[in-house]
C-alpha atoms as a PDB file:
ATOM      1  CA  MET A   1       0.913  32.032  26.020  1.00  0.00           C
ATOM      2  CA  PRO A   2       1.188  35.411  24.087  1.00  0.00           C
ATOM      3  CA  LEU A   3       2.123  35.403  20.396  1.00  0.00           C
ATOM      4  CA  PRO A   4       5.565  36.893  20.017  1.00  0.00           C
ATOM      5  CA  SER A   5       5.787  40.247  18.633  1.00  0.00           C
ATOM      6  CA  ASP A   6       9.380  40.286  17.276  1.00  0.00           C
ATOM      7  CA  PRO A   7       9.209  40.001  13.381  1.00  0.00           C
ATOM      8  CA  LYS A   8      12.456  37.925  13.315  1.00  0.00           C
ATOM      9  CA  VAL A   9      10.809  35.215  15.487  1.00  0.00           C
ATOM     10  CA  ILE A  10       7.894  35.183  13.133  1.00  0.00           C
ATOM     11  CA  PHE A  11      10.108  34.837  10.307  1.00  0.00           C
ATOM     12  CA  LEU A  12      12.492  32.325  11.676  1.00  0.00           C
ATOM     13  CA  GLY A  13       9.322  30.071  12.486  1.00  0.00           C
ATOM     14  CA  GLY A  14       8.082  30.508   8.834  1.00  0.00           C
ATOM     15  CA  LEU A  15      11.431  29.380   7.886  1.00  0.00           C
ATOM     16  CA  PHE A  16      11.485  26.687  10.171  1.00  0.00           C
ATOM     17  CA  ALA A  17       7.870  25.374   8.763  1.00  0.00           C
ATOM     18  CA  LEU A  18       9.209  25.715   5.207  1.00  0.00           C
ATOM     19  CA  ALA A  19      12.161  23.452   6.026  1.00  0.00           C
ATOM     20  CA  LEU A  20      10.020  20.947   7.700  1.00  0.00           C
ATOM     21  CA  LEU A  21       7.755  20.550   4.851  1.00  0.00           C
ATOM     22  CA  ALA A  22      10.867  20.491   2.319  1.00  0.00           C
ATOM     23  CA  ALA A  23      12.383  17.792   4.459  1.00  0.00           C
ATOM     24  CA  LEU A  24       9.274  15.689   4.745  1.00  0.00           C
ATOM     25  CA  TYR A  25       8.682  16.087   0.749  1.00  0.00           C
ATOM     26  CA  VAL A  26      12.289  14.716   0.197  1.00  0.00           C
ATOM     27  CA  ALA A  27      11.870  11.795   2.674  1.00  0.00           C
ATOM     28  CA  ALA A  28       8.595  10.739   1.306  1.00  0.00           C
ATOM     29  CA  GLU A  29      10.092   8.292  -0.973  1.00  0.00           C
ATOM     30  CA  ILE A  30      12.088   6.678   1.613  1.00  0.00           C
ATOM     31  CA  VAL A  31       9.430   6.969   4.763  1.00  0.00           C
ATOM     32  CA  LEU A  32       6.075   6.073   2.877  1.00  0.00           C
ATOM     33  CA  PRO A  33       7.080   2.440   1.702  1.00  0.00           C
ATOM     34  CA  LEU A  34       8.376   1.438   5.318  1.00  0.00           C
ATOM     35  CA  VAL A  35       5.455   3.099   6.934  1.00  0.00           C
ATOM     36  CA  LEU A  36       3.095   0.853   4.434  1.00  0.00           C
ATOM     37  CA  ALA A  37       5.249  -2.329   5.198  1.00  0.00           C
ATOM     38  CA  VAL A  38       5.072  -1.981   8.825  1.00  0.00           C
ATOM     39  CA  VAL A  39       1.074  -1.688   8.696  1.00  0.00           C
ATOM     40  CA  LEU A  40       0.805  -4.324   6.448  1.00  0.00           C
ATOM     41  CA  LYS A  41       2.701  -6.539   8.905  1.00  0.00           C
ATOM     42  CA  PHE A  42       0.480  -5.386  11.727  1.00  0.00           C
ATOM     43  CA  LEU A  43      -2.530  -6.196   9.491  1.00  0.00           C
ATOM     44  CA  LEU A  44      -1.443  -9.478   8.029  1.00  0.00           C
ATOM     45  CA  GLN A  45       0.331 -11.040  11.215  1.00  0.00           C
ATOM     46  CA  PRO A  46      -2.785 -12.680  12.383  1.00  0.00           C
ATOM     47  CA  VAL A  47      -3.477 -14.383   9.200  1.00  0.00           C
ATOM     48  CA  MET A  48       0.276 -15.625   8.810  1.00  0.00           C
ATOM     49  CA  ARG A  49       0.029 -17.020  12.575  1.00  0.00           C
ATOM     50  CA  LEU A  50      -3.427 -18.736  11.398  1.00  0.00           C
ATOM     51  CA  MET A  51      -1.704 -20.301   8.225  1.00  0.00           C
ATOM     52  CA  GLU A  52       1.245 -21.477  10.276  1.00  0.00           C
ATOM     53  CA  GLN A  53      -0.931 -23.384  13.088  1.00  0.00           C
ATOM     54  CA  TRP A  54      -2.402 -25.024   9.929  1.00  0.00           C
ATOM     55  CA  HIS A  55       1.101 -26.296   8.865  1.00  0.00           C
ATOM     56  CA  VAL A  56       1.351 -23.752   5.579  1.00  0.00           C
ATOM     57  CA  PRO A  57       5.158 -23.075   5.033  1.00  0.00           C
ATOM     58  CA  ARG A  58       5.654 -19.703   6.079  1.00  0.00           C
ATOM     59  CA  ILE A  59       6.895 -18.816   2.623  1.00  0.00           C
ATOM     60  CA  LEU A  60       3.964 -19.955   0.863  1.00  0.00           C
ATOM     61  CA  ALA A  61       1.898 -18.357   3.272  1.00  0.00           C
ATOM     62  CA  ALA A  62       3.552 -14.994   2.673  1.00  0.00           C
ATOM     63  CA  PHE A  63       3.019 -15.268  -0.971  1.00  0.00           C
ATOM     64  CA  MET A  64      -0.444 -16.311  -0.846  1.00  0.00           C
ATOM     65  CA  LEU A  65      -1.180 -13.233   1.451  1.00  0.00           C
ATOM     66  CA  ILE A  66       0.658 -11.003  -1.057  1.00  0.00           C
ATOM     67  CA  LEU A  67      -1.303 -12.516  -3.977  1.00  0.00           C
ATOM     68  CA  ALA A  68      -4.606 -11.746  -2.022  1.00  0.00           C
ATOM     69  CA  VAL A  69      -3.991  -8.414  -0.643  1.00  0.00           C
ATOM     70  CA  PHE A  70      -2.863  -6.933  -4.564  1.00  0.00           C
ATOM     71  CA  HIS A  71      -5.351  -9.244  -5.931  1.00  0.00           C
ATOM     72  CA  VAL A  72      -3.041 -10.628  -8.594  1.00  0.00           C
ATOM     73  CA  GLU A  73      -3.679 -13.916 -10.391  1.00  0.00           C
ATOM     74  CA  PRO A  74      -1.163 -16.349 -11.922  1.00  0.00           C
ATOM     75  CA  PRO A  75      -0.641 -15.885 -15.821  1.00  0.00           C
ATOM     76  CA  PRO A  76      -2.204 -19.109 -16.721  1.00  0.00           C
ATOM     77  CA  LEU A  77      -5.349 -18.401 -14.470  1.00  0.00           C
ATOM     78  CA  ARG A  78      -5.460 -14.814 -15.677  1.00  0.00           C
ATOM     79  CA  CYS A  79      -5.597 -15.904 -19.435  1.00  0.00           C
ATOM     80  CA  LEU A  80      -8.522 -18.623 -18.497  1.00  0.00           C
ATOM     81  CA  CYS A  81     -10.485 -16.037 -16.751  1.00  0.00           C
ATOM     82  CA  GLY A  82      -9.773 -13.174 -19.088  1.00  0.00           C
ATOM     83  CA  SER A  83     -11.204 -15.078 -22.019  1.00  0.00           C
ATOM     84  CA  GLU A  84     -14.151 -16.272 -20.293  1.00  0.00           C
ATOM     85  CA  LEU A  85     -14.887 -12.963 -18.944  1.00  0.00           C
ATOM     86  CA  ARG A  86     -14.478 -11.737 -22.623  1.00  0.00           C
ATOM     87  CA  LEU A  87     -16.824 -14.291 -23.814  1.00  0.00           C
ATOM     88  CA  LYS A  88     -19.435 -13.770 -21.275  1.00  0.00           C
ATOM     89  CA  LEU A  89     -19.425  -9.758 -21.211  1.00  0.00           C
ATOM     90  CA  ILE A  90     -18.057  -8.328 -24.275  1.00  0.00           C
ATOM     91  CA  GLU A  91     -19.693 -10.769 -26.900  1.00  0.00           C
ATOM     92  CA  PRO A  92     -23.051 -10.002 -25.641  1.00  0.00           C
ATOM     93  CA  ALA A  93     -22.795  -6.573 -25.683  1.00  0.00           C
ATOM     94  CA  ASP A  94     -21.464  -6.750 -29.461  1.00  0.00           C
ATOM     95  CA  ARG A  95     -24.499  -8.852 -30.310  1.00  0.00           C
ATOM     96  CA  THR A  96     -27.110  -6.407 -29.796  1.00  0.00           C
END
C-alpha cells in the first residue's frame, strides 16, 4: 500500500495520533485501575476457589488474599515485628 502523497492526509493522520494520545492520557486514571482489577481477579480466582473448597468464608478469603498480595500486616503484628527487627538489626549495627 503506497503512502499518501497529499499533505492534508498526513496532517490529519498526525492530528488523529495526537488526539488518540491525549485521550489515552486523560482516560488513564479511569482505565488503569479497571485493568488492574480485572488482572488481579483472573490471577486470584483459582486461590479463591481453593479457599472456598476449604470452607473459608468468601469475605475472609478475599481479605486474606488482599493482605497477601499487598503484604500488609495487621498493626499489632507490625508493632511486634518492627520492635523485634529493630532489636535484631539496628542495635547490633550500633554496637560496632
